[in-house]
Amino acid sequence: MRGIFIRIYLAFMVTSLVATLVTLLLAMYYRQWSNDSVNLIAPTGGYISAAELILQRGGEPLLLEWLLTFERHPSVNAYVFDDQGISLLPNVPADVLEYAFASDSYQARVNPLGQTEILVKAPLQSHDGRVYLLVVEFLHPLAVFNLPAYLGWGFLASLLLFAIWGFVLSRYMARPLLSLQRSVRAFADGQWPVRIAPKLLLRRDEIGELGREFGQMAERLQRLISDQRQLLRDVSHELRSPLARTAVALELARLDALPEQVEYLDRIELETQRLNELIEDLLSMARLETVQDYSHWQTVDCSALLQQVAADARFERPQNVLQLNVPADAVRVQGDPRLLTSAVENIVRNALLHTAAGTSVDIDLSSRDGQIQIAVRDHGPGVPEHLLADLLRPFVRSEQARERSPDSLNSGHRGFGLGLAIADRVIRHHGGDLRLSNHEQGGLVVTIRLRQRSAADG
């Protein structure tokens, strides 16, 4: 119930309420446009005839009784003045007195904006020849009842009516967009093929056209990505066979190799090993992007995982210093222990490779607000800020800021720009995120955030 639905709903409600307000205001003054003086005077003919007949037959007493009957009429009043200008009724309004003695003959006065909307006067003649003056006052309809109540009830009725109708209409307009949003989100999460609601595809408006175009785009992208991944898997597998034959041929060549040829054979073996590692990395990336299997996940103790990674790193590179800080309490996550170990190993090895000589690599584990955080910091030259995001892409390296040392090449270090990319995909596969930043005192900091598994999770 957010976003476009709220905007459509509020726009409809505001428009409806403004229209209601204008309608109510126009209703207050409708006679200004719909009536003229002739039409207004016409209904008073009956009052004039009745008053004159009553005056001739019963005189002033009967006429006064007839005038008092108007007190029960909510919107019409009548006043009679004798030939001396004295009203038969007390408490005559000032507007009536002014109109009765005005010099505009017997012209009706129309004032649709005032409380007294219409005033009409006519002469009456009694049986003895005396002349009286009858003034008929028509009150404005809004003067008969309470204006605030009129406006309040009108707004309340309009609000209820338009709230219900606006909800139905807004829901009708927003529902296909919400459905399309779910399809887009599923497509972004890798749930292929994309499924779009049939009702959305059958629509003949812009929303239906958008759904059909998105479906076509998703189908093309899915085909392109699937072909790319299939090509990557096929090429990786096809390379395994010649590399295996190369390894066999290399071992056979060693049997008859001269001492001066051993160095070159070792180099061939090193490059072959690198190619095998590159292929393994490419296959790992392909599996992470295509396989979404969580059935083998289990509870992983992050402290134990980091201690094992640190022990392996110290064994591989005893000349480097590695500082590990883990909390006393157990910190657990749900995931694949093999993939998580591989991701952390890639980050730690990368940090050990680029940290300055005589400096340490610091690994810190902490938990807060239901999340665990693993921070790996080296004391190397760091990375330019504009290249940080690109380092998580495959085959991207910052050669200027993070040169590999000669001993790392001789030790068989991969250095293909895949370590951080694979680690990033592993962490995202576990619903977390991996971020790179430069430490204010120098060096690169790789931060992993994952959802912590609490005791309540079982």
Protein backbone atom coordinates (compact mmCIF):
# COMPACT_ATOMS: atom_id res chain seq x y z
CA MET A 1 0.00 0.00 0.00
CA ARG A 2 2.82 2.38 -0.76
CA GLY A 3 4.18 4.33 -3.66
CA ILE A 4 1.97 4.74 -6.66
CA PHE A 5 -1.14 3.37 -4.93
CA ILE A 6 -0.97 6.05 -2.23
CA ARG A 7 -0.28 8.76 -4.80
CA ILE A 8 -3.22 7.75 -6.98
CA TYR A 9 -5.48 7.42 -3.96
CA LEU A 10 -4.53 10.80 -2.48
CA ALA A 11 -4.77 12.53 -5.86
CA PHE A 12 -8.25 11.13 -6.34
CA MET A 13 -9.34 12.10 -2.84
CA VAL A 14 -8.01 15.66 -3.11
CA THR A 15 -9.64 16.13 -6.50
CA SER A 16 -12.93 14.75 -5.24
CA LEU A 17 -12.96 16.90 -2.11
CA VAL A 18 -12.14 20.03 -4.09
CA ALA A 19 -14.94 19.18 -6.49
CA THR A 20 -17.28 18.69 -3.54
CA LEU A 21 -16.31 22.05 -2.06
CA VAL A 22 -16.91 23.82 -5.36
CA THR A 23 -20.25 22.07 -5.74
CA LEU A 24 -21.35 23.10 -2.26
CA LEU A 25 -20.34 26.70 -2.87
CA LEU A 26 -22.13 26.78 -6.18
CA ALA A 27 -25.22 25.33 -4.54
CA MET A 28 -25.21 28.23 -2.10
CA TYR A 29 -25.54 30.73 -4.93
CA TYR A 30 -27.23 28.71 -7.66
CA ARG A 31 -30.08 31.16 -8.15
CA GLN A 32 -27.72 33.84 -9.27
CA TRP A 33 -27.32 31.95 -12.55
CA SER A 34 -30.61 30.09 -12.86
CA ASN A 35 -33.34 32.67 -12.13
CA ASP A 36 -34.39 36.14 -13.20
CA SER A 37 -36.77 38.66 -11.60
CA VAL A 38 -39.77 37.59 -13.68
CA ASN A 39 -39.47 33.96 -12.58
CA LEU A 40 -39.01 35.02 -8.97
CA ILE A 41 -42.04 37.31 -8.86
CA ALA A 42 -44.38 34.77 -10.50
CA PRO A 43 -44.84 32.53 -7.41
CA THR A 44 -45.91 35.55 -5.34
CA GLY A 45 -49.10 36.08 -7.36
CA GLY A 46 -50.95 33.57 -5.22
CA TYR A 47 -49.86 35.29 -2.01
CA ILE A 48 -51.02 38.69 -3.32
CA SER A 49 -54.44 37.43 -4.40
CA ALA A 50 -54.98 35.54 -1.13
CA ALA A 51 -53.97 38.53 1.00
CA GLU A 52 -56.25 40.94 -0.87
CA LEU A 53 -59.21 38.55 -0.69
CA ILE A 54 -58.72 38.00 3.06
CA LEU A 55 -58.40 41.76 3.64
CA GLN A 56 -61.64 42.54 1.76
CA ARG A 57 -63.61 39.82 3.52
CA GLY A 58 -62.27 39.84 7.06
CA GLY A 59 -60.37 43.10 7.42
CA GLU A 60 -57.18 43.56 9.37
CA PRO A 61 -57.92 40.93 12.08
CA LEU A 62 -58.25 38.12 9.55
CA LEU A 63 -55.29 39.44 7.55
CA LEU A 64 -53.16 39.48 10.71
CA GLU A 65 -54.14 35.87 11.42
CA TRP A 66 -53.10 34.97 7.88
CA LEU A 67 -49.73 36.69 8.34
CA LEU A 68 -49.07 34.74 11.55
CA THR A 69 -49.36 31.47 9.64
CA PHE A 70 -46.08 32.32 7.86
CA GLU A 71 -44.22 31.79 11.12
CA ARG A 72 -44.58 28.08 10.47
CA HIS A 73 -43.10 28.44 6.98
CA PRO A 74 -39.29 28.08 7.08
CA SER A 75 -38.35 30.09 3.99
CA VAL A 76 -41.17 32.63 3.33
CA ASN A 77 -42.32 35.63 5.39
CA ALA A 78 -45.07 38.18 4.67
CA TYR A 79 -45.53 41.72 6.03
CA VAL A 80 -48.41 44.20 5.55
CA PHE A 81 -48.22 47.98 6.04
CA ASP A 82 -51.37 50.14 6.32
CA ASP A 83 -51.95 53.47 4.60
CA GLN A 84 -50.09 55.15 7.46
CA GLY A 85 -46.97 53.03 6.91
CA ILE A 86 -47.48 51.07 10.11
CA SER A 87 -46.74 47.34 10.00
CA LEU A 88 -49.41 44.93 11.22
CA LEU A 89 -46.60 42.72 12.60
CA PRO A 90 -43.94 43.76 15.09
CA ASN A 91 -40.18 43.31 14.60
CA VAL A 92 -39.94 43.94 10.89
CA PRO A 93 -36.40 43.39 9.51
CA ALA A 94 -34.52 46.50 8.41
CA ASP A 95 -34.12 45.19 4.87
CA VAL A 96 -37.88 44.75 4.58
CA LEU A 97 -38.54 48.26 5.89
CA GLU A 98 -36.00 49.77 3.53
CA TYR A 99 -37.47 47.92 0.56
CA ALA A 100 -41.10 48.69 1.53
CA PHE A 101 -40.55 52.46 1.56
CA ALA A 102 -38.07 52.57 -1.34
CA SER A 103 -38.95 54.68 -4.36
CA ASP A 104 -38.42 51.92 -6.94
CA SER A 105 -42.20 51.39 -7.38
CA TYR A 106 -43.05 47.72 -7.28
CA GLN A 107 -39.85 46.24 -8.73
CA ALA A 108 -38.70 43.03 -7.08
CA ARG A 109 -35.36 43.04 -5.34
CA VAL A 110 -33.15 39.99 -5.95
CA ASN A 111 -30.07 39.44 -3.81
CA PRO A 112 -28.89 35.82 -4.16
CA LEU A 113 -25.85 36.47 -1.97
CA GLY A 114 -27.74 37.72 1.07
CA GLN A 115 -29.87 36.16 3.73
CA THR A 116 -32.99 37.69 2.16
CA GLU A 117 -32.82 36.38 -1.35
CA ILE A 118 -36.01 37.90 -2.85
CA LEU A 119 -38.30 40.75 -1.84
CA VAL A 120 -41.57 41.36 -3.68
CA LYS A 121 -44.16 44.07 -2.84
CA ALA A 122 -47.65 44.73 -4.15
CA PRO A 123 -50.62 47.02 -3.16
CA LEU A 124 -53.72 45.63 -1.47
CA GLN A 125 -57.12 47.39 -1.44
CA SER A 126 -59.65 46.79 1.30
CA HIS A 127 -63.47 46.88 0.90
CA ASP A 128 -63.55 50.46 2.17
CA GLY A 129 -60.95 51.67 -0.33
CA ARG A 130 -57.96 51.83 2.00
CA VAL A 131 -54.65 50.88 0.39
CA TYR A 132 -52.23 48.49 2.13
CA LEU A 133 -48.78 47.31 1.07
CA LEU A 134 -47.87 43.61 1.05
CA VAL A 135 -44.16 42.63 1.19
CA VAL A 136 -43.26 38.98 0.62
CA GLU A 137 -39.77 37.90 1.74
CA PHE A 138 -38.11 34.76 0.40
CA LEU A 139 -35.18 33.66 2.55
CA HIS A 140 -32.06 32.12 1.04
CA PRO A 141 -32.16 28.32 1.37
CA LEU A 142 -28.89 28.33 3.29
CA ALA A 143 -30.31 30.80 5.81
CA VAL A 144 -33.01 28.32 6.77
CA PHE A 145 -30.59 25.78 8.21
CA ASN A 146 -27.16 25.71 9.85
CA LEU A 147 -24.46 26.41 7.24
CA PRO A 148 -21.57 24.77 9.18
CA ALA A 149 -23.65 21.64 9.63
CA TYR A 150 -24.54 21.70 5.94
CA LEU A 151 -20.91 21.93 4.91
CA GLY A 152 -19.79 19.40 7.53
CA TRP A 153 -22.30 16.74 6.60
CA GLY A 154 -21.67 17.37 2.92
CA PHE A 155 -17.95 16.89 3.37
CA LEU A 156 -18.44 13.80 5.53
CA ALA A 157 -20.77 12.17 3.01
CA SER A 158 -18.39 13.02 0.18
CA LEU A 159 -15.40 11.74 2.12
CA LEU A 160 -17.01 8.38 2.80
CA LEU A 161 -18.29 8.03 -0.76
CA PHE A 162 -15.05 9.01 -2.42
CA ALA A 163 -12.91 7.08 0.06
CA ILE A 164 -14.61 3.83 -0.89
CA TRP A 165 -14.75 4.59 -4.59
CA GLY A 166 -11.21 5.99 -4.58
CA PHE A 167 -9.88 2.84 -2.88
CA VAL A 168 -11.53 0.61 -5.46
CA LEU A 169 -10.34 2.73 -8.38
CA SER A 170 -6.80 3.19 -7.03
CA ARG A 171 -6.53 -0.49 -6.26
CA TYR A 172 -7.67 -1.31 -9.77
CA MET A 173 -5.01 0.97 -11.24
CA ALA A 174 -2.18 -0.01 -8.86
CA ARG A 175 -2.76 -3.78 -8.70
CA PRO A 176 -1.20 -4.56 -12.11
CA LEU A 177 1.81 -2.40 -11.25
CA LEU A 178 2.25 -4.26 -7.95
CA SER A 179 2.00 -7.55 -9.83
CA LEU A 180 4.59 -6.36 -12.33
CA GLN A 181 6.81 -5.23 -9.45
CA ARG A 182 6.72 -8.75 -7.97
CA SER A 183 7.68 -10.19 -11.35
CA VAL A 184 10.58 -7.77 -11.69
CA ARG A 185 11.80 -8.58 -8.17
CA ALA A 186 11.58 -12.32 -8.86
CA PHE A 187 13.51 -11.83 -12.10
CA ALA A 188 16.19 -9.83 -10.27
CA ASP A 189 16.48 -12.65 -7.70
CA GLY A 190 17.16 -15.14 -10.46
CA GLN A 191 13.78 -16.88 -10.42
CA TRP A 192 13.63 -17.76 -14.11
CA PRO A 193 11.64 -18.00 -16.27
CA VAL A 194 9.85 -14.81 -15.27
CA ARG A 195 6.12 -15.18 -14.62
CA ILE A 196 3.75 -12.32 -15.41
CA ALA A 197 0.09 -12.44 -14.44
CA PRO A 198 -2.06 -13.39 -17.49
CA LYS A 199 -4.58 -10.64 -16.69
CA LEU A 200 -1.79 -8.07 -16.91
CA LEU A 201 -0.71 -9.33 -20.33
CA LEU A 202 -4.30 -9.13 -21.62
CA ARG A 203 -4.69 -5.45 -20.74
CA ARG A 204 -4.90 -3.09 -23.72
CA ASP A 205 -3.56 0.00 -21.98
CA GLU A 206 -0.06 1.31 -21.26
CA ILE A 207 0.33 -0.95 -18.22
CA GLY A 208 -0.41 -4.03 -20.29
CA GLU A 209 2.05 -2.87 -22.93
CA LEU A 210 4.68 -2.35 -20.24
CA GLY A 211 4.12 -5.89 -18.94
CA ARG A 212 4.43 -7.42 -22.40
CA GLU A 213 7.60 -5.46 -23.17
CA PHE A 214 9.13 -6.46 -19.83
CA GLY A 215 8.31 -10.10 -20.53
CA GLN A 216 10.04 -9.91 -23.91
CA MET A 217 13.05 -8.15 -22.39
CA ALA A 218 13.30 -10.70 -19.57
CA GLU A 219 13.10 -13.56 -22.05
CA ARG A 220 15.93 -12.10 -24.17
CA LEU A 221 18.10 -11.39 -21.13
CA GLN A 222 17.47 -14.85 -19.73
CA ARG A 223 18.47 -16.42 -23.03
CA LEU A 224 21.62 -14.29 -23.29
CA ILE A 225 22.70 -14.96 -19.71
CA SER A 226 21.95 -18.68 -20.00
CA ASP A 227 23.97 -18.90 -23.20
CA GLN A 228 26.83 -17.00 -21.60
CA ARG A 229 26.89 -19.24 -18.54
CA GLN A 230 26.60 -22.36 -20.65
CA LEU A 231 29.51 -21.16 -22.76
CA LEU A 232 31.54 -20.49 -19.64
CA ARG A 233 30.85 -23.98 -18.29
CA ASP A 234 31.54 -25.65 -21.62
CA VAL A 235 34.80 -23.81 -22.18
CA SER A 236 35.95 -24.51 -18.61
CA HIS A 237 35.18 -28.20 -18.91
CA GLU A 238 36.73 -28.47 -22.35
CA LEU A 239 39.95 -26.91 -21.05
CA ARG A 240 40.27 -29.55 -18.35
CA SER A 241 41.17 -32.32 -20.81
CA PRO A 242 44.13 -30.62 -22.56
CA LEU A 243 45.40 -29.37 -19.21
CA ALA A 244 45.27 -32.90 -17.81
CA ARG A 245 47.17 -34.20 -20.85
CA THR A 246 49.67 -31.35 -20.42
CA ALA A 247 50.25 -32.39 -16.81
CA VAL A 248 50.89 -36.01 -17.88
CA ALA A 249 53.22 -34.89 -20.64
CA LEU A 250 55.05 -32.65 -18.19
CA GLU A 251 55.70 -35.52 -15.80
CA LEU A 252 56.95 -37.67 -18.67
CA ALA A 253 59.22 -34.86 -19.78
CA ARG A 254 60.74 -34.61 -16.31
CA LEU A 255 61.95 -38.20 -16.58
CA ASP A 256 64.33 -37.36 -19.42
CA ALA A 257 64.92 -33.67 -18.62
CA LEU A 258 68.37 -32.21 -18.35
CA PRO A 259 69.23 -30.21 -15.21
CA GLU A 260 69.10 -26.92 -17.12
CA GLN A 261 65.59 -27.79 -18.35
CA VAL A 262 64.06 -28.31 -14.90
CA GLU A 263 63.55 -24.57 -14.37
CA TYR A 264 61.47 -24.31 -17.54
CA LEU A 265 59.45 -27.39 -16.67
CA ASP A 266 58.72 -25.92 -13.23
CA ARG A 267 57.48 -22.77 -14.93
CA ILE A 268 55.22 -24.80 -17.21
CA GLU A 269 53.86 -26.65 -14.16
CA LEU A 270 53.22 -23.34 -12.36
CA GLU A 271 51.32 -21.85 -15.30
CA THR A 272 49.34 -25.07 -15.72
CA GLN A 273 48.41 -24.97 -12.05
CA ARG A 274 47.27 -21.35 -12.46
CA LEU A 275 45.09 -22.29 -15.40
CA ASN A 276 43.51 -25.08 -13.36
CA GLU A 277 42.83 -22.67 -10.51
CA LEU A 278 41.35 -20.13 -12.93
CA ILE A 279 39.02 -22.76 -14.37
CA GLU A 280 37.99 -23.84 -10.87
CA ASP A 281 37.21 -20.23 -9.97
CA LEU A 282 35.14 -19.74 -13.13
CA LEU A 283 33.17 -22.90 -12.42
CA SER A 284 32.60 -21.77 -8.83
CA MET A 285 31.23 -18.45 -10.03
CA ALA A 286 28.96 -20.18 -12.53
CA ARG A 287 27.60 -22.48 -9.82
CA LEU A 288 26.94 -19.58 -7.44
CA GLU A 289 24.97 -17.70 -10.11
CA THR A 290 22.88 -20.66 -11.24
CA VAL A 291 22.44 -23.03 -8.30
CA GLN A 292 20.14 -21.82 -5.51
CA ASP A 293 20.22 -24.89 -3.28
CA TYR A 294 19.84 -24.26 0.45
CA SER A 295 19.02 -27.81 1.56
CA HIS A 296 22.55 -28.50 2.80
CA TRP A 297 22.84 -25.31 4.83
CA GLN A 298 23.65 -25.67 8.49
CA THR A 299 24.55 -23.59 11.52
CA VAL A 300 28.08 -22.22 11.21
CA ASP A 301 30.13 -20.99 14.16
CA CYS A 302 31.89 -17.90 12.80
CA SER A 303 34.50 -17.88 15.58
CA ALA A 304 35.58 -21.43 14.79
CA LEU A 305 35.54 -20.69 11.06
CA LEU A 306 37.80 -17.65 11.44
CA GLN A 307 40.17 -19.51 13.76
CA GLN A 308 40.55 -22.28 11.17
CA VAL A 309 41.13 -19.78 8.36
CA ALA A 310 43.69 -17.92 10.48
CA ALA A 311 45.51 -21.17 11.33
CA ASP A 312 45.70 -22.14 7.65
CA ALA A 313 46.92 -18.65 6.70
CA ARG A 314 49.65 -18.72 9.35
CA PHE A 315 50.80 -22.12 8.09
CA GLU A 316 50.91 -20.97 4.45
CA ARG A 317 52.58 -17.62 5.18
CA PRO A 318 54.43 -17.87 8.51
CA GLN A 319 56.38 -14.71 7.76
CA ASN A 320 53.23 -12.57 8.04
CA VAL A 321 51.52 -11.43 11.23
CA LEU A 322 47.80 -12.12 11.56
CA GLN A 323 45.73 -10.67 14.42
CA LEU A 324 42.38 -12.36 15.16
CA ASN A 325 39.81 -10.83 17.52
CA VAL A 326 36.66 -12.84 18.21
CA PRO A 327 34.06 -12.44 21.00
CA ALA A 328 33.83 -14.92 23.83
CA ASP A 329 30.20 -15.76 23.05
CA ALA A 330 29.35 -17.95 20.10
CA VAL A 331 28.40 -16.09 16.92
CA ARG A 332 26.46 -18.26 14.49
CA VAL A 333 25.02 -17.88 11.01
CA GLN A 334 23.05 -20.18 8.74
CA GLY A 335 24.79 -21.18 5.54
CA ASP A 336 27.18 -23.40 3.63
CA PRO A 337 30.35 -23.77 5.74
CA ARG A 338 32.51 -24.71 2.74
CA LEU A 339 31.48 -21.63 0.72
CA LEU A 340 31.79 -19.27 3.68
CA THR A 341 35.25 -20.63 4.51
CA SER A 342 36.31 -20.19 0.87
CA ALA A 343 35.04 -16.60 0.79
CA VAL A 344 36.88 -15.61 3.99
CA GLU A 345 40.05 -17.40 2.82
CA ASN A 346 40.04 -15.43 -0.42
CA ILE A 347 39.75 -12.15 1.48
CA VAL A 348 42.42 -13.04 4.06
CA ARG A 349 44.88 -14.28 1.41
CA ASN A 350 44.30 -11.14 -0.60
CA ALA A 351 45.01 -9.02 2.50
CA LEU A 352 48.17 -11.01 3.35
CA LEU A 353 49.41 -10.54 -0.20
CA HIS A 354 49.07 -6.76 -0.20
CA THR A 355 49.86 -5.78 3.37
CA ALA A 356 53.17 -3.96 3.82
CA ALA A 357 56.22 -5.88 5.03
CA GLY A 358 56.37 -6.11 8.81
CA THR A 359 52.69 -5.21 9.26
CA SER A 360 49.77 -7.36 10.29
CA VAL A 361 46.40 -8.33 8.87
CA ASP A 362 43.64 -7.70 11.38
CA ILE A 363 40.48 -9.84 11.49
CA ASP A 364 37.67 -8.66 13.77
CA LEU A 365 34.39 -10.45 14.45
CA SER A 366 31.47 -8.65 16.11
CA SER A 367 27.68 -8.91 16.31
CA ARG A 368 25.05 -6.21 16.69
CA ASP A 369 21.32 -5.78 16.04
CA GLY A 370 20.89 -9.30 14.71
CA GLN A 371 23.83 -9.07 12.28
CA ILE A 372 27.39 -10.34 12.43
CA GLN A 373 30.26 -8.35 10.98
CA ILE A 374 33.64 -9.66 9.86
CA ALA A 375 36.20 -6.95 9.09
CA VAL A 376 39.53 -7.84 7.44
CA ARG A 377 42.06 -5.02 7.25
CA ASP A 378 45.51 -4.94 5.73
CA HIS A 379 48.17 -2.22 6.05
CA GLY A 380 48.91 -1.87 2.38
CA PRO A 381 48.64 1.12 0.03
CA GLY A 382 44.85 0.91 -0.24
CA VAL A 383 42.79 1.42 -3.38
CA PRO A 384 41.66 4.62 -5.13
CA GLU A 385 38.10 5.42 -4.09
CA HIS A 386 36.74 5.34 -7.64
CA LEU A 387 38.00 1.74 -8.07
CA LEU A 388 36.54 0.23 -4.89
CA ALA A 389 33.24 -0.86 -6.43
CA ASP A 390 34.95 -2.28 -9.52
CA LEU A 391 37.13 -4.62 -7.45
CA LEU A 392 34.07 -6.83 -6.85
CA ARG A 393 33.77 -7.46 -10.58
CA PRO A 394 35.52 -10.48 -12.12
CA PHE A 395 39.00 -9.96 -13.59
CA VAL A 396 39.33 -6.44 -12.20
CA ARG A 397 42.49 -5.53 -10.27
CA SER A 398 44.03 -2.30 -9.11
CA GLU A 399 47.54 -2.86 -10.37
CA GLN A 400 48.80 0.64 -9.66
CA ALA A 401 47.84 0.74 -5.99
CA ARG A 402 48.15 -2.98 -5.16
CA GLU A 403 51.10 -4.39 -7.03
CA ARG A 404 51.81 -8.06 -6.51
CA SER A 405 55.20 -8.83 -5.14
CA PRO A 406 57.58 -11.14 -7.06
CA ASP A 407 57.45 -13.77 -4.34
CA SER A 408 53.67 -13.95 -4.68
CA LEU A 409 54.09 -14.81 -8.34
CA ASN A 410 56.65 -17.46 -7.62
CA SER A 411 54.45 -18.97 -4.93
CA GLY A 412 51.71 -19.61 -7.41
CA HIS A 413 49.31 -16.92 -6.27
CA ARG A 414 46.39 -16.72 -8.65
CA GLY A 415 46.01 -12.96 -9.02
CA PHE A 416 43.27 -13.19 -11.68
CA GLY A 417 40.96 -10.66 -10.01
CA LEU A 418 38.45 -13.35 -9.07
CA GLY A 419 39.01 -13.75 -5.32
CA LEU A 420 36.93 -10.77 -4.17
CA ALA A 421 34.36 -11.36 -6.93
CA ILE A 422 33.78 -14.93 -5.75
CA ALA A 423 33.66 -13.84 -2.12
CA ASP A 424 31.08 -11.17 -2.97
CA ARG A 425 28.88 -13.72 -4.73
CA VAL A 426 29.17 -16.16 -1.82
CA ILE A 427 28.12 -13.50 0.68
CA ARG A 428 25.20 -12.33 -1.49
CA HIS A 429 24.23 -16.00 -1.93
CA HIS A 430 23.86 -16.05 1.89
CA GLY A 431 21.73 -12.89 1.96
CA GLY A 432 24.52 -10.62 3.19
CA ASP A 433 26.68 -7.93 1.66
CA LEU A 434 30.39 -7.29 1.20
CA ARG A 435 31.83 -3.78 1.18
CA LEU A 436 35.25 -2.34 0.49
CA SER A 437 36.64 0.82 2.07
CA ASN A 438 39.95 2.49 2.72
CA HIS A 439 40.99 2.77 6.35
CA GLU A 440 41.68 6.31 7.50
CA GLN A 441 45.16 5.24 8.65
CA GLY A 442 45.91 3.34 5.46
CA GLY A 443 45.10 -0.05 4.04
CA LEU A 444 42.00 -1.71 2.64
CA VAL A 445 39.12 -2.89 4.84
CA VAL A 446 36.82 -5.66 3.61
CA THR A 447 33.61 -5.85 5.65
CA ILE A 448 31.21 -8.81 5.57
CA ARG A 449 27.73 -8.53 7.04
CA LEU A 450 25.48 -11.54 7.54
CA ARG A 451 22.26 -12.21 9.42
CA GLN A 452 23.01 -13.75 12.80
CA ARG A 453 21.34 -16.98 13.81
CA SER A 454 19.86 -16.54 17.28
CA ALA A 455 18.99 -19.17 19.84
CA ALA A 456 15.31 -18.73 19.00
CA ASP A 457 15.99 -19.92 15.42
CA GLY A 458 16.60 -23.41 16.74
